[in-house]
Structures are given as C-alpha cells and as structure tokens.
C-alpha cells in the first residue's frame, strides 16, 4: 500500500513538472541587440575606441 501511494505521488509530481516546463504562457520572444558598431573608415573606428591600437605598416 505504501509503495502504491508513493508511486502515484511520484507520478503526479513528474506529470506536473513536465506540464509546467511545456507551458507557453504567452511569453514574448526577447531579442538581444547587436553589440557591433559599424564605422566607415579605420580612423573613425580608432577615434571611437577607448584604447589605443598599434598597427604595423608591413602586416
């Protein structure tokens, strides 16, 4: 009797957990904005940078 009650309780808990994970409660999709910024020239990008970039002429 004890096993039957335990098995039914575990089955009920499992069913509720699976039902809660699959619920779609009208949530909207959230999109993360792109972290990239485009610049027209290298000088413009370097002036916007917070650090100094050292570029070699030969590479």
PDB file of N, CA and C in Angstrom:
ATOM      1  N   UNK A   1       0.819  -1.187   0.000  1.00  0.00           N
ATOM      2  CA  UNK A   1       0.000   0.000   0.000  1.00  0.00           C
ATOM      3  C   UNK A   1       0.871   1.262   0.000  1.00  0.00           C
ATOM      4  N   UNK A   2       1.935   1.195   0.798  1.00  0.00           N
ATOM      5  CA  UNK A   2       2.830   2.337   0.890  1.00  0.00           C
ATOM      6  C   UNK A   2       3.526   2.595  -0.452  1.00  0.00           C
ATOM      7  N   UNK A   3       3.912   1.528  -1.138  1.00  0.00           N
ATOM      8  CA  UNK A   3       4.560   1.653  -2.440  1.00  0.00           C
ATOM      9  C   UNK A   3       3.610   2.244  -3.471  1.00  0.00           C
ATOM     10  N   UNK A   4       2.371   1.851  -3.444  1.00  0.00           N
ATOM     11  CA  UNK A   4       1.390   2.333  -4.399  1.00  0.00           C
ATOM     12  C   UNK A   4       1.172   3.842  -4.222  1.00  0.00           C
ATOM     13  N   UNK A   5       1.024   4.268  -2.988  1.00  0.00           N
ATOM     14  CA  UNK A   5       0.830   5.695  -2.712  1.00  0.00           C
ATOM     15  C   UNK A   5       2.067   6.491  -3.124  1.00  0.00           C
ATOM     16  N   UNK A   6       3.248   5.963  -2.839  1.00  0.00           N
ATOM     17  CA  UNK A   6       4.490   6.636  -3.216  1.00  0.00           C
ATOM     18  C   UNK A   6       4.621   6.719  -4.729  1.00  0.00           C
ATOM     19  N   UNK A   7       4.305   5.642  -5.425  1.00  0.00           N
ATOM     20  CA  UNK A   7       4.393   5.626  -6.884  1.00  0.00           C
ATOM     21  C   UNK A   7       3.412   6.616  -7.505  1.00  0.00           C
ATOM     22  N   UNK A   8       2.206   6.678  -6.982  1.00  0.00           N
ATOM     23  CA  UNK A   8       1.212   7.621  -7.502  1.00  0.00           C
ATOM     24  C   UNK A   8       1.651   9.053  -7.231  1.00  0.00           C
ATOM     25  N   UNK A   9       2.194   9.312  -6.055  1.00  0.00           N
ATOM     26  CA  UNK A   9       2.661  10.656  -5.717  1.00  0.00           C
ATOM     27  C   UNK A   9       3.817  11.079  -6.625  1.00  0.00           C
ATOM     28  N   UNK A  10       4.759  10.183  -6.859  1.00  0.00           N
ATOM     29  CA  UNK A  10       5.884  10.493  -7.738  1.00  0.00           C
ATOM     30  C   UNK A  10       5.427  10.712  -9.176  1.00  0.00           C
ATOM     31  N   UNK A  11       4.475   9.897  -9.646  1.00  0.00           N
ATOM     32  CA  UNK A  11       3.945  10.068 -10.994  1.00  0.00           C
ATOM     33  C   UNK A  11       3.230  11.411 -11.133  1.00  0.00           C
ATOM     34  N   UNK A  12       2.500  11.804 -10.112  1.00  0.00           N
ATOM     35  CA  UNK A  12       1.807  13.089 -10.130  1.00  0.00           C
ATOM     36  C   UNK A  12       2.803  14.248 -10.142  1.00  0.00           C
ATOM     37  N   UNK A  13       3.840  14.158  -9.340  1.00  0.00           N
ATOM     38  CA  UNK A  13       4.873  15.198  -9.307  1.00  0.00           C
ATOM     39  C   UNK A  13       5.575  15.298 -10.656  1.00  0.00           C
ATOM     40  N   UNK A  14       5.905  14.160 -11.256  1.00  0.00           N
ATOM     41  CA  UNK A  14       6.557  14.148 -12.559  1.00  0.00           C
ATOM     42  C   UNK A  14       5.651  14.745 -13.633  1.00  0.00           C
ATOM     43  N   UNK A  15       4.380  14.388 -13.615  1.00  0.00           N
ATOM     44  CA  UNK A  15       3.437  14.921 -14.598  1.00  0.00           C
ATOM     45  C   UNK A  15       3.286  16.428 -14.450  1.00  0.00           C
ATOM     46  N   UNK A  16       3.215  16.932 -13.223  1.00  0.00           N
ATOM     47  CA  UNK A  16       3.103  18.375 -13.007  1.00  0.00           C
ATOM     48  C   UNK A  16       4.375  19.110 -13.425  1.00  0.00           C
ATOM     49  N   UNK A  17       5.516  18.505 -13.179  1.00  0.00           N
ATOM     50  CA  UNK A  17       6.779  19.136 -13.565  1.00  0.00           C
ATOM     51  C   UNK A  17       6.897  19.219 -15.086  1.00  0.00           C
ATOM     52  N   UNK A  18       6.525  18.164 -15.768  1.00  0.00           N
ATOM     53  CA  UNK A  18       6.588  18.170 -17.230  1.00  0.00           C
ATOM     54  C   UNK A  18       5.560  19.134 -17.825  1.00  0.00           C
ATOM     55  N   UNK A  19       4.402  19.222 -17.216  1.00  0.00           N
ATOM     56  CA  UNK A  19       3.383  20.148 -17.708  1.00  0.00           C
ATOM     57  C   UNK A  19       3.819  21.597 -17.499  1.00  0.00           C
ATOM     58  N   UNK A  20       4.509  21.876 -16.418  1.00  0.00           N
ATOM     59  CA  UNK A  20       4.955  23.241 -16.147  1.00  0.00           C
ATOM     60  C   UNK A  20       6.059  23.656 -17.108  1.00  0.00           C
ATOM     61  N   UNK A  21       6.923  22.732 -17.500  1.00  0.00           N
ATOM     62  CA  UNK A  21       8.014  23.061 -18.420  1.00  0.00           C
ATOM     63  C   UNK A  21       7.502  23.294 -19.832  1.00  0.00           C
ATOM     64  N   UNK A  22       6.441  22.639 -20.205  1.00  0.00           N
ATOM     65  CA  UNK A  22       5.936  22.765 -21.561  1.00  0.00           C
ATOM     66  C   UNK A  22       4.924  23.866 -21.745  1.00  0.00           C
ATOM     67  N   UNK A  23       4.570  24.568 -20.693  1.00  0.00           N
ATOM     68  CA  UNK A  23       3.547  25.610 -20.790  1.00  0.00           C
ATOM     69  C   UNK A  23       4.084  26.818 -21.533  1.00  0.00           C
ATOM     70  N   UNK A  24       3.261  27.356 -22.424  1.00  0.00           N
ATOM     71  CA  UNK A  24       3.625  28.569 -23.150  1.00  0.00           C
ATOM     72  C   UNK A  24       2.630  29.635 -22.741  1.00  0.00           C
ATOM     73  N   UNK A  25       2.961  30.353 -21.707  1.00  0.00           N
ATOM     74  CA  UNK A  25       2.055  31.326 -21.115  1.00  0.00           C
ATOM     75  C   UNK A  25       2.070  32.679 -21.786  1.00  0.00           C
ATOM     76  N   UNK A  26       2.126  32.724 -23.100  1.00  0.00           N
ATOM     77  CA  UNK A  26       2.069  33.989 -23.798  1.00  0.00           C
ATOM     78  C   UNK A  26       3.328  34.827 -23.665  1.00  0.00           C
ATOM     79  N   UNK A  27       4.444  34.195 -23.446  1.00  0.00           N
ATOM     80  CA  UNK A  27       5.694  34.939 -23.323  1.00  0.00           C
ATOM     81  C   UNK A  27       6.131  35.437 -24.690  1.00  0.00           C
ATOM     82  N   UNK A  28       6.646  36.645 -24.713  1.00  0.00           N
ATOM     83  CA  UNK A  28       7.143  37.205 -25.960  1.00  0.00           C
ATOM     84  C   UNK A  28       8.617  36.848 -26.119  1.00  0.00           C
ATOM     85  N   UNK A  29       9.043  36.683 -27.368  1.00  0.00           N
ATOM     86  CA  UNK A  29      10.446  36.427 -27.633  1.00  0.00           C
ATOM     87  C   UNK A  29      11.244  37.699 -27.380  1.00  0.00           C
ATOM     88  N   UNK A  30      12.360  37.549 -26.704  1.00  0.00           N
ATOM     89  CA  UNK A  30      13.219  38.682 -26.401  1.00  0.00           C
ATOM     90  C   UNK A  30      14.448  38.576 -27.280  1.00  0.00           C
ATOM     91  N   UNK A  31      14.759  39.662 -27.977  1.00  0.00           N
ATOM     92  CA  UNK A  31      15.936  39.675 -28.829  1.00  0.00           C
ATOM     93  C   UNK A  31      16.980  40.604 -28.239  1.00  0.00           C
ATOM     94  N   UNK A  32      18.210  40.143 -28.249  1.00  0.00           N
ATOM     95  CA  UNK A  32      19.312  40.928 -27.730  1.00  0.00           C
ATOM     96  C   UNK A  32      19.829  41.822 -28.860  1.00  0.00           C
ATOM     97  N   UNK A  33      20.005  43.113 -28.608  1.00  0.00           N
ATOM     98  CA  UNK A  33      20.519  43.983 -29.670  1.00  0.00           C
ATOM     99  C   UNK A  33      21.959  43.628 -30.025  1.00  0.00           C
ATOM    100  N   UNK A  34      22.324  43.861 -31.248  1.00  0.00           N
ATOM    101  CA  UNK A  34      23.656  43.517 -31.714  1.00  0.00           C
ATOM    102  C   UNK A  34      24.712  44.407 -31.051  1.00  0.00           C
ATOM    103  N   UNK A  35      25.824  43.840 -30.591  1.00  0.00           N
ATOM    104  CA  UNK A  35      26.846  44.640 -29.926  1.00  0.00           C
ATOM    105  C   UNK A  35      27.813  45.304 -30.908  1.00  0.00           C
ATOM    106  N   UNK A  36      27.673  45.064 -32.201  1.00  0.00           N
ATOM    107  CA  UNK A  36      28.598  45.577 -33.202  1.00  0.00           C
ATOM    108  C   UNK A  36      28.218  46.989 -33.621  1.00  0.00           C
ATOM    109  N   UNK A  37      29.224  47.807 -33.849  1.00  0.00           N
ATOM    110  CA  UNK A  37      29.034  49.150 -34.389  1.00  0.00           C
ATOM    111  C   UNK A  37      29.856  49.245 -35.657  1.00  0.00           C
ATOM    112  N   UNK A  38      29.232  49.714 -36.724  1.00  0.00           N
ATOM    113  CA  UNK A  38      29.946  49.818 -37.997  1.00  0.00           C
ATOM    114  C   UNK A  38      30.470  51.226 -38.187  1.00  0.00           C
ATOM    115  N   UNK A  39      31.693  51.320 -38.712  1.00  0.00           N
ATOM    116  CA  UNK A  39      32.330  52.594 -38.998  1.00  0.00           C
ATOM    117  C   UNK A  39      32.700  52.612 -40.478  1.00  0.00           C
ATOM    118  N   UNK A  40      32.743  53.813 -41.048  1.00  0.00           N
ATOM    119  CA  UNK A  40      33.055  53.959 -42.468  1.00  0.00           C
ATOM    120  C   UNK A  40      34.541  53.887 -42.757  1.00  0.00           C
ATOM    121  N   UNK A  41      35.364  54.220 -41.769  1.00  0.00           N
ATOM    122  CA  UNK A  41      36.810  54.201 -42.003  1.00  0.00           C
ATOM    123  C   UNK A  41      37.526  53.693 -40.752  1.00  0.00           C
ATOM    124  N   UNK A  42      38.788  53.338 -40.945  1.00  0.00           N
ATOM    125  CA  UNK A  42      39.607  52.866 -39.834  1.00  0.00           C
ATOM    126  C   UNK A  42      39.872  53.997 -38.848  1.00  0.00           C
ATOM    127  N   UNK A  43      40.086  55.200 -39.355  1.00  0.00           N
ATOM    128  CA  UNK A  43      40.342  56.340 -38.469  1.00  0.00           C
ATOM    129  C   UNK A  43      39.140  56.633 -37.577  1.00  0.00           C
ATOM    130  N   UNK A  44      37.941  56.513 -38.125  1.00  0.00           N
ATOM    131  CA  UNK A  44      36.734  56.738 -37.342  1.00  0.00           C
ATOM    132  C   UNK A  44      36.595  55.687 -36.239  1.00  0.00           C
ATOM    133  N   UNK A  45      36.916  54.446 -36.569  1.00  0.00           N
ATOM    134  CA  UNK A  45      36.839  53.368 -35.582  1.00  0.00           C
ATOM    135  C   UNK A  45      37.886  53.540 -34.491  1.00  0.00           C
ATOM    136  N   UNK A  46      39.092  53.942 -34.876  1.00  0.00           N
ATOM    137  CA  UNK A  46      40.153  54.137 -33.891  1.00  0.00           C
ATOM    138  C   UNK A  46      39.854  55.318 -32.981  1.00  0.00           C
ATOM    139  N   UNK A  47      39.214  56.352 -33.499  1.00  0.00           N
ATOM    140  CA  UNK A  47      38.892  57.501 -32.651  1.00  0.00           C
ATOM    141  C   UNK A  47      37.759  57.169 -31.673  1.00  0.00           C
ATOM    142  N   UNK A  48      36.897  56.221 -32.023  1.00  0.00           N
ATOM    143  CA  UNK A  48      35.811  55.830 -31.127  1.00  0.00           C
ATOM    144  C   UNK A  48      36.260  54.825 -30.079  1.00  0.00           C
ATOM    145  N   UNK A  49      37.412  54.185 -30.290  1.00  0.00           N
ATOM    146  CA  UNK A  49      37.898  53.165 -29.361  1.00  0.00           C
ATOM    147  C   UNK A  49      38.378  53.814 -28.067  1.00  0.00           C
ATOM    148  N   UNK A  50      38.220  53.099 -26.972  1.00  0.00           N
ATOM    149  CA  UNK A  50      38.662  53.588 -25.677  1.00  0.00           C
ATOM    150  C   UNK A  50      40.113  53.205 -25.378  1.00  0.00           C
ATOM    151  N   UNK A  51      40.735  52.540 -26.292  1.00  0.00           N
ATOM    152  CA  UNK A  51      42.115  52.129 -26.110  1.00  0.00           C
ATOM    153  C   UNK A  51      42.864  52.405 -27.412  1.00  0.00           C
ATOM    154  N   UNK A  52      44.156  52.490 -27.312  1.00  0.00           N
ATOM    155  CA  UNK A  52      44.972  52.814 -28.478  1.00  0.00           C
ATOM    156  C   UNK A  52      45.389  51.533 -29.183  1.00  0.00           C
ATOM    157  N   UNK A  53      45.183  51.476 -30.493  1.00  0.00           N
ATOM    158  CA  UNK A  53      45.567  50.317 -31.274  1.00  0.00           C
ATOM    159  C   UNK A  53      46.873  50.614 -31.997  1.00  0.00           C
ATOM    160  N   UNK A  54      47.786  49.692 -31.904  1.00  0.00           N
ATOM    161  CA  UNK A  54      49.061  49.840 -32.595  1.00  0.00           C
ATOM    162  C   UNK A  54      49.034  48.937 -33.822  1.00  0.00           C
ATOM    163  N   UNK A  55      49.074  49.544 -35.005  1.00  0.00           N
ATOM    164  CA  UNK A  55      49.024  48.796 -36.248  1.00  0.00           C
ATOM    165  C   UNK A  55      50.349  48.953 -36.970  1.00  0.00           C
ATOM    166  N   UNK A  56      50.847  47.875 -37.536  1.00  0.00           N
ATOM    167  CA  UNK A  56      52.098  47.954 -38.274  1.00  0.00           C
ATOM    168  C   UNK A  56      51.795  48.157 -39.764  1.00  0.00           C
ATOM    169  N   UNK A  57      52.703  48.797 -40.453  1.00  0.00           N
ATOM    170  CA  UNK A  57      52.514  49.069 -41.885  1.00  0.00           C
ATOM    171  C   UNK A  57      52.791  47.842 -42.733  1.00  0.00           C
ATOM    172  N   UNK A  58      53.623  46.942 -42.253  1.00  0.00           N
ATOM    173  CA  UNK A  58      54.054  45.802 -43.053  1.00  0.00           C
ATOM    174  C   UNK A  58      53.100  44.611 -43.006  1.00  0.00           C
ATOM    175  N   UNK A  59      52.202  44.558 -42.067  1.00  0.00           N
ATOM    176  CA  UNK A  59      51.375  43.378 -41.912  1.00  0.00           C
ATOM    177  C   UNK A  59      50.172  43.436 -42.729  1.00  0.00           C
TER     178      UNK A  59
END
